[in-house]
Protein backbone atom coordinates (compact mmCIF):
# COMPACT_ATOMS: atom_id res chain seq x y z
CA MET A 1 59.40 275.13 70.43
CA LYS A 2 56.16 273.18 69.17
CA ARG A 3 56.21 271.07 66.66
CA GLN A 4 53.10 269.07 66.15
CA LEU A 5 51.93 268.27 62.77
CA ARG A 6 48.43 269.81 61.68
CA ALA A 7 47.45 267.03 59.35
CA LEU A 8 43.70 266.32 57.53
CA ALA A 9 43.46 262.55 56.92
CA ALA A 10 39.90 261.01 55.82
CA ALA A 11 39.54 257.86 53.81
CA GLY A 12 38.62 258.81 49.96
CA LEU A 13 39.32 262.65 50.47
CA LEU A 14 39.70 263.96 47.08
CA VAL A 15 41.40 267.17 46.68
CA ALA A 16 42.37 268.95 43.49
CA SER A 17 41.20 265.65 42.01
CA SER A 18 44.41 263.90 43.92
CA LEU A 19 44.54 262.19 46.96
CA VAL A 20 46.70 264.00 49.80
CA ALA A 21 48.49 261.46 52.14
CA VAL A 22 49.29 262.46 55.52
CA ALA A 23 50.90 261.02 58.42
CA LEU A 24 51.49 261.97 62.39
CA GLY A 25 55.29 261.21 62.14
CA GLY A 26 57.81 258.31 62.01
CA ASN A 27 59.04 257.23 58.46
CA ALA A 28 57.11 258.71 55.36
CA SER A 29 56.56 256.31 53.05
CA ALA A 30 54.04 258.67 50.79
CA ASP A 31 53.81 262.51 50.80
CA THR A 32 53.47 263.84 54.01
CA GLN A 33 51.85 267.24 53.90
CA ILE A 34 52.87 269.50 56.93
CA CYS A 35 50.97 272.87 57.56
CA GLU A 36 52.03 273.65 61.07
CA GLN A 37 54.58 276.38 61.81
CA TYR A 38 57.27 273.86 63.26
CA GLY A 39 55.58 270.55 61.97
CA SER A 40 58.56 267.95 60.91
CA THR A 41 58.40 264.47 59.87
CA VAL A 42 61.51 261.68 59.40
CA VAL A 43 62.09 260.37 55.70
CA GLY A 44 63.94 257.40 54.64
CA GLY A 45 64.93 256.46 58.32
CA ARG A 46 67.46 258.95 58.70
CA TYR A 47 66.49 262.62 57.77
CA VAL A 48 64.20 265.19 59.23
CA VAL A 49 61.87 267.44 56.82
CA GLN A 50 60.43 270.40 58.86
CA ASN A 51 58.35 273.54 57.52
CA ASN A 52 60.36 276.13 60.16
CA ARG A 53 57.79 279.05 58.97
CA TRP A 54 59.72 281.44 61.57
CA GLY A 55 59.50 284.73 59.92
CA THR A 56 55.41 285.52 59.10
CA THR A 57 52.01 284.25 60.50
CA ALA A 58 50.67 283.43 56.93
CA GLN A 59 50.13 279.78 56.00
CA GLN A 60 53.14 277.76 54.38
CA CYS A 61 52.49 273.98 53.69
CA ILE A 62 55.48 271.71 52.44
CA ASN A 63 54.89 268.21 51.04
CA ALA A 64 57.71 265.61 52.62
CA THR A 65 58.62 263.07 50.26
CA SER A 66 60.92 260.07 50.46
CA ASN A 67 64.31 261.90 49.81
CA GLY A 68 63.17 265.62 50.24
CA PHE A 69 60.44 267.99 49.96
CA GLU A 70 58.25 270.40 48.37
CA ILE A 71 56.79 273.94 48.95
CA THR A 72 52.94 273.89 48.24
CA THR A 73 51.70 276.61 50.11
CA LEU A 74 53.13 279.51 50.87
CA ASN A 75 51.32 282.75 51.72
CA GLY A 76 54.08 284.95 53.44
CA SER A 77 55.71 287.88 52.04
CA SER A 78 58.80 289.88 53.72
CA PRO A 79 60.31 292.91 52.59
CA THR A 80 63.84 292.25 50.69
CA ASN A 81 65.74 293.95 52.88
CA GLY A 82 64.85 292.18 56.26
CA ALA A 83 64.65 288.77 56.76
CA PRO A 84 62.70 285.73 55.24
CA THR A 85 59.71 284.43 55.90
CA ALA A 86 60.92 280.94 56.56
CA TYR A 87 63.31 277.96 56.15
CA PRO A 88 61.73 274.59 55.05
CA SER A 89 64.48 272.23 55.00
CA ILE A 90 65.59 268.87 55.23
CA PHE A 91 68.42 267.89 57.64
CA PHE A 92 70.84 265.32 59.48
CA GLY A 93 71.80 266.26 62.87
CA CYS A 94 70.21 268.36 65.56
CA HIS A 95 68.10 271.31 65.53
CA TYR A 96 66.27 272.78 68.54
CA THR A 97 66.08 269.66 70.54
CA ASN A 98 64.70 267.83 67.26
CA CYS A 99 67.61 264.83 66.28
CA SER A 100 67.60 263.03 63.02
CA PRO A 101 67.33 259.13 64.06
CA GLY A 102 70.48 257.59 65.11
CA THR A 103 72.50 260.89 64.13
CA ASN A 104 76.18 261.03 65.65
CA LEU A 105 75.76 264.59 65.90
CA PRO A 106 76.78 266.66 67.42
CA ILE A 107 80.76 265.93 66.63
CA GLN A 108 83.89 267.57 67.65
CA VAL A 109 85.48 268.79 64.49
CA SER A 110 88.68 267.54 65.40
CA GLN A 111 87.25 264.10 65.23
CA ILE A 112 85.59 264.41 62.17
CA SER A 113 87.55 262.38 59.39
CA SER A 114 85.18 262.89 56.41
CA ALA A 115 81.87 264.77 55.78
CA THR A 116 80.25 264.43 52.79
CA SER A 117 76.64 265.43 51.38
CA SER A 118 74.92 265.86 48.11
CA ILE A 119 71.80 267.92 47.50
CA SER A 120 69.59 268.49 44.42
CA TYR A 121 66.93 271.50 43.91
CA ARG A 122 64.18 272.44 41.52
CA TYR A 123 63.89 275.96 41.07
CA VAL A 124 60.54 278.18 40.17
CA SER A 125 60.57 281.81 38.12
CA GLY A 126 59.07 284.97 39.63
CA ALA A 127 59.88 284.54 43.13
CA THR A 128 62.32 285.71 45.66
CA TYR A 129 64.34 283.26 47.45
CA ASN A 130 67.59 281.49 47.94
CA ALA A 131 68.54 278.12 47.98
CA SER A 132 70.63 277.83 51.07
CA TYR A 133 72.63 274.80 52.82
CA ASP A 134 73.40 275.57 56.26
CA ILE A 135 75.79 273.93 58.39
CA TRP A 136 75.38 274.85 62.03
CA LEU A 137 78.14 274.56 64.71
CA ASP A 138 78.93 275.56 68.60
CA PRO A 139 81.54 275.68 70.94
CA SER A 140 79.32 272.97 72.77
CA PRO A 141 77.84 270.09 71.88
CA LYS A 142 74.42 271.89 71.66
CA ARG A 143 71.34 269.96 70.58
CA ASP A 144 68.74 273.13 71.15
CA GLY A 145 68.49 276.73 70.54
CA VAL A 146 70.62 278.82 68.51
CA ASN A 147 74.24 277.75 67.92
CA GLN A 148 77.03 280.43 67.41
CA MET A 149 78.21 279.70 63.97
CA GLU A 150 76.05 279.59 60.95
CA ILE A 151 77.78 278.67 57.61
CA MET A 152 75.89 279.43 54.60
CA ILE A 153 76.25 277.96 51.04
CA TRP A 154 73.99 280.04 48.28
CA LEU A 155 73.64 277.97 45.28
CA ASN A 156 70.83 280.12 43.82
CA ARG A 157 69.14 283.62 44.61
CA GLN A 158 66.64 285.25 42.86
CA GLY A 159 65.58 288.74 43.80
CA PRO A 160 67.22 291.55 45.19
CA ILE A 161 68.48 289.91 48.44
CA GLN A 162 71.96 289.40 49.82
CA PRO A 163 73.94 287.70 52.97
CA ILE A 164 74.35 288.87 56.12
CA GLY A 165 77.22 291.25 56.29
CA SER A 166 79.38 292.37 53.48
CA VAL A 167 81.84 291.02 51.22
CA VAL A 168 85.27 290.04 52.32
CA GLY A 169 86.80 288.04 49.32
CA THR A 170 86.45 284.95 47.36
CA THR A 171 87.46 281.58 47.51
CA ASN A 172 87.75 278.20 45.23
CA LEU A 173 85.83 275.11 47.11
CA ALA A 174 84.06 272.12 45.86
CA GLY A 175 85.09 272.64 42.49
CA ARG A 176 83.51 276.44 42.20
CA THR A 177 84.53 280.14 42.79
CA TRP A 178 82.30 281.29 45.87
CA GLU A 179 81.92 284.96 46.84
CA VAL A 180 82.68 284.95 50.95
CA TRP A 181 80.21 287.27 53.14
CA ARG A 182 80.41 287.85 56.34
CA GLY A 183 78.50 289.31 59.81
CA SER A 184 76.40 288.75 62.51
CA ASN A 185 72.26 288.34 62.78
CA GLY A 186 72.39 289.48 66.37
CA SER A 187 71.96 285.74 67.58
CA ASN A 188 75.01 284.20 65.96
CA ASN A 189 78.04 284.72 63.31
CA VAL A 190 77.18 284.17 59.81
CA ILE A 191 79.88 283.21 57.07
CA SER A 192 78.18 283.18 53.37
CA TYR A 193 79.76 281.23 50.61
CA VAL A 194 77.62 282.72 47.27
CA ALA A 195 77.81 280.90 44.06
CA GLN A 196 78.64 282.64 41.22
CA SER A 197 76.09 281.42 38.92
CA THR A 198 72.69 278.86 39.32
CA THR A 199 73.76 275.86 40.98
CA SER A 200 70.96 273.25 41.04
CA SER A 201 73.02 270.12 42.56
CA LEU A 202 76.03 269.80 44.73
CA ASN A 203 78.16 266.37 45.73
CA PHE A 204 80.86 267.86 48.04
CA SER A 205 82.94 267.75 51.08
CA VAL A 206 80.83 269.37 53.96
CA LEU A 207 84.56 269.57 55.70
CA ASP A 208 86.26 271.67 53.20
CA PHE A 209 83.74 274.61 53.90
CA ILE A 210 84.22 273.83 58.00
CA ASN A 211 88.00 274.09 57.41
CA ASP A 212 87.79 277.35 55.51
CA THR A 213 85.69 278.52 58.35
CA ARG A 214 88.12 277.59 60.48
CA ASN A 215 91.01 279.16 58.56
CA ARG A 216 89.08 282.28 58.64
CA GLY A 217 89.60 282.01 62.64
CA ALA A 218 85.46 281.68 63.13
CA ILE A 219 85.77 278.71 64.70
CA SER A 220 88.55 276.08 66.05
CA ASN A 221 88.78 272.01 66.06
CA SER A 222 87.46 272.01 69.54
CA TRP A 223 84.00 273.33 68.16
CA TYR A 224 81.05 270.78 67.84
CA LEU A 225 79.30 270.47 64.12
CA THR A 226 75.52 270.17 65.18
CA SER A 227 73.28 269.72 61.67
CA ILE A 228 73.61 269.87 58.48
CA GLN A 229 70.48 271.10 56.35
CA ALA A 230 69.15 272.07 52.83
CA GLY A 231 66.22 273.97 51.91
CA PHE A 232 64.77 277.40 51.01
CA GLU A 233 64.87 281.04 52.44
CA PRO A 234 61.78 282.36 50.90
CA TRP A 235 60.85 286.56 50.89
CA GLN A 236 58.34 286.32 48.16
CA GLY A 237 56.62 283.70 46.64
CA GLY A 238 57.86 280.03 46.34
CA VAL A 239 55.41 277.38 45.86
CA GLY A 240 57.04 274.93 43.56
CA LEU A 241 60.44 274.93 44.90
CA ALA A 242 61.87 271.50 46.01
CA VAL A 243 64.77 269.47 47.36
CA THR A 244 64.49 266.53 45.37
CA SER A 245 67.34 264.63 46.93
CA PHE A 246 69.47 264.87 49.98
CA SER A 247 72.10 262.78 51.47
CA ALA A 248 74.83 263.58 54.38
CA ASN A 249 77.57 261.26 56.07
CA VAL A 250 79.73 262.44 58.93
CA ASN A 251 82.37 259.85 60.03
CA GLY A 252 84.29 260.04 63.17
CA GLY A 253 88.02 259.23 63.49
CA GLY A 254 89.69 261.98 63.31
CA THR A 255 92.71 263.63 65.63
CA PRO A 256 91.86 264.16 68.92
CA PRO A 257 92.08 268.15 69.87
CA THR A 258 94.91 269.62 71.91
CA ASN A 259 94.65 269.70 75.77
CA PRO A 260 92.93 272.87 76.12
CA SER A 261 94.71 273.14 79.66
CA THR A 262 98.24 272.90 78.03
CA PRO A 263 99.59 276.75 78.97
CA THR A 264 100.28 279.26 75.85
CA PRO A 265 103.85 280.27 75.44
CA PRO A 266 103.69 284.24 76.21
CA PRO A 267 104.12 286.47 73.12
CA SER A 268 107.86 287.17 72.46
CA GLY A 269 109.81 288.87 69.51
CA GLY A 270 112.07 291.97 68.68
CA ALA A 271 110.52 295.25 68.79
CA GLY A 272 109.30 297.11 65.81
CA CYS A 273 105.55 296.69 64.16
CA ARG A 274 103.59 298.54 61.50
CA VAL A 275 99.91 298.39 60.92
CA LYS A 276 97.53 299.20 58.20
CA TYR A 277 94.08 300.04 59.29
CA THR A 278 91.28 299.55 56.12
CA ALA A 279 88.08 300.25 56.61
CA ASN A 280 84.41 300.34 55.39
CA ALA A 281 81.89 302.60 56.68
CA TRP A 282 77.91 302.92 55.97
CA ASN A 283 75.16 304.62 57.80
CA ASN A 284 75.13 302.07 60.75
CA GLY A 285 77.84 300.21 60.87
CA PHE A 286 81.59 299.18 59.28
CA THR A 287 83.91 296.56 58.67
CA ALA A 288 87.52 297.15 59.23
CA ASP A 289 90.38 294.59 57.96
CA VAL A 290 93.97 295.27 59.87
CA GLN A 291 97.40 294.26 58.81
CA ILE A 292 100.50 294.07 61.17
CA THR A 293 103.67 293.96 59.61
CA ASN A 294 106.97 292.85 61.73
CA THR A 295 109.50 295.59 61.05
CA GLY A 296 111.67 294.10 64.14
CA SER A 297 114.91 291.92 63.89
CA SER A 298 113.08 288.60 65.10
CA ALA A 299 109.86 286.54 64.76
CA ILE A 300 106.82 287.19 66.83
CA ASN A 301 105.61 284.55 68.74
CA GLY A 302 102.31 285.49 69.92
CA TRP A 303 100.73 288.91 69.56
CA THR A 304 98.30 291.27 71.38
CA LEU A 305 97.21 294.59 69.12
CA THR A 306 95.66 297.03 71.51
CA TYR A 307 94.04 300.33 70.31
CA GLY A 308 91.08 302.93 71.13
CA LEU A 309 87.90 302.91 69.09
CA PRO A 310 86.66 306.30 68.74
CA GLY A 311 83.32 306.97 70.28
CA GLY A 312 80.02 305.56 68.64
CA GLN A 313 81.80 302.44 67.23
CA GLN A 314 81.22 299.01 68.74
CA VAL A 315 82.62 295.45 67.86
CA THR A 316 80.05 292.90 67.15
CA SER A 317 82.25 290.00 65.43
CA ALA A 318 85.59 289.24 64.20
CA TRP A 319 87.66 286.89 62.41
CA ASN A 320 91.52 285.83 62.05
CA ALA A 321 91.68 287.05 65.96
CA THR A 322 90.17 287.33 69.33
CA VAL A 323 89.06 290.70 69.51
CA SER A 324 87.24 292.23 72.83
CA GLN A 325 86.30 295.58 73.42
CA SER A 326 86.12 297.35 76.96
CA GLY A 327 84.89 301.11 76.73
CA SER A 328 86.85 302.62 73.66
CA THR A 329 89.66 300.05 74.13
CA VAL A 330 90.15 297.14 71.79
CA THR A 331 92.43 293.93 72.40
CA ALA A 332 92.73 291.72 69.46
CA ARG A 333 94.73 288.61 70.02
CA ASN A 334 96.27 286.01 67.58
CA VAL A 335 94.65 282.80 66.80
CA SER A 336 96.26 279.39 66.51
CA HIS A 337 97.24 279.95 62.93
CA ASN A 338 98.93 283.66 62.46
CA GLY A 339 100.67 284.01 65.85
CA SER A 340 104.11 283.81 64.23
CA VAL A 341 105.06 286.42 62.36
CA ALA A 342 108.66 286.28 60.73
CA PRO A 343 110.73 289.55 60.31
CA GLY A 344 109.02 291.50 57.40
CA GLY A 345 106.16 289.22 57.58
CA THR A 346 102.52 290.03 58.11
CA ALA A 347 99.51 288.98 60.25
CA SER A 348 96.05 289.93 59.18
CA PHE A 349 92.72 290.09 61.30
CA GLY A 350 89.17 291.79 60.72
CA TYR A 351 86.16 292.71 62.34
CA GLN A 352 82.62 294.04 61.63
CA GLY A 353 80.69 296.81 64.08
CA THR A 354 77.95 298.90 64.80
CA LEU A 355 78.73 302.84 64.13
CA SER A 356 76.43 305.74 65.85
CA GLY A 357 77.70 309.17 64.55
CA SER A 358 80.11 309.83 61.81
CA TYR A 359 83.24 307.40 61.11
CA SER A 360 86.66 308.22 62.08
CA SER A 361 90.00 305.08 61.86
CA PRO A 362 91.89 304.75 65.59
CA THR A 363 95.07 306.75 65.55
CA SER A 364 97.53 304.85 67.40
CA PHE A 365 97.98 301.26 68.06
CA SER A 366 100.43 299.19 70.26
CA LEU A 367 101.61 295.75 69.50
CA ASN A 368 102.80 293.65 72.85
CA GLY A 369 103.67 296.89 74.48
CA THR A 370 105.53 298.75 71.45
CA THR A 371 104.05 301.38 69.78
CA CYS A 372 103.43 300.88 66.10
CA SER A 373 103.85 303.13 63.40
CA ARG A 374 101.02 303.40 61.04
CA ALA A 375 101.16 302.18 57.14
């Protein structure tokens, strides 16, 4: 992906009664204009500001400042039921082979002792956009291409736009309540935390959001944090939007991961199970929440649930379980935090899928080889 800066520089050039300072890279000591599609520059000797105009061919320009950026030209426009035009942003870590100076990312989640960040935004009216803080993770220490997991923190949204997927609940993090969305854009899984009111600044622990995502079964401690990014996703308009300040610090010294070669104990436990299957379907997709109750006399230590999906249904992403599909047969296996189920206890997981034709739910389930009743 090209990241050449397209800059206009001439001594004494006067534009709109003010001098425009431009640079071709390095540390930006004055405002640096970037109009190249994937143009970027280093600010503060620590962070990278990128134009990242990936969803339109129309011109977009940003001014990189000492600690952020401002959108100065934005001619692109996209329908609000589709993808945005761009993600101009400032980041720490690695993004498509572009790594910020001296970064210690990628770093394994288990090795992180603390990860903190602060962000301040300036908003405008009359535009359709979100102010999004992105946290990217991958099973490998990836420095190029798309990572498998994107955590999005929506601090503000204007206009009829919504995150990818569907609402799966709410949570309290960083002293605020967030609506949680979950889905996939076809290239990576996405969990979005949407603020319940406009938030112009946030000083928080990035690790809190990573841990919540892990607890939902979307990642594990063996995954790698690859980058931390803050910016805007504009659909229509947005000149004047700005990140006025940004900082990020990730420190190592966490607990080493468990040896992956350690064998997993085989499932055990007395027979007896009940399954509650709750679905939400629309014209070309669906989500399902599955609750397993142990109706037996002893604890279940590790579980595998199998069942058949009706025709036209295909699993695309899952949480709180490792879910695979072969033909119509779905196999769901517990993750580390929900493998033990006491008598009378429950374990839950969910997933999202595509749908062709009319929707119907599975009719029979088997847990560790035992047929379950339906709730």
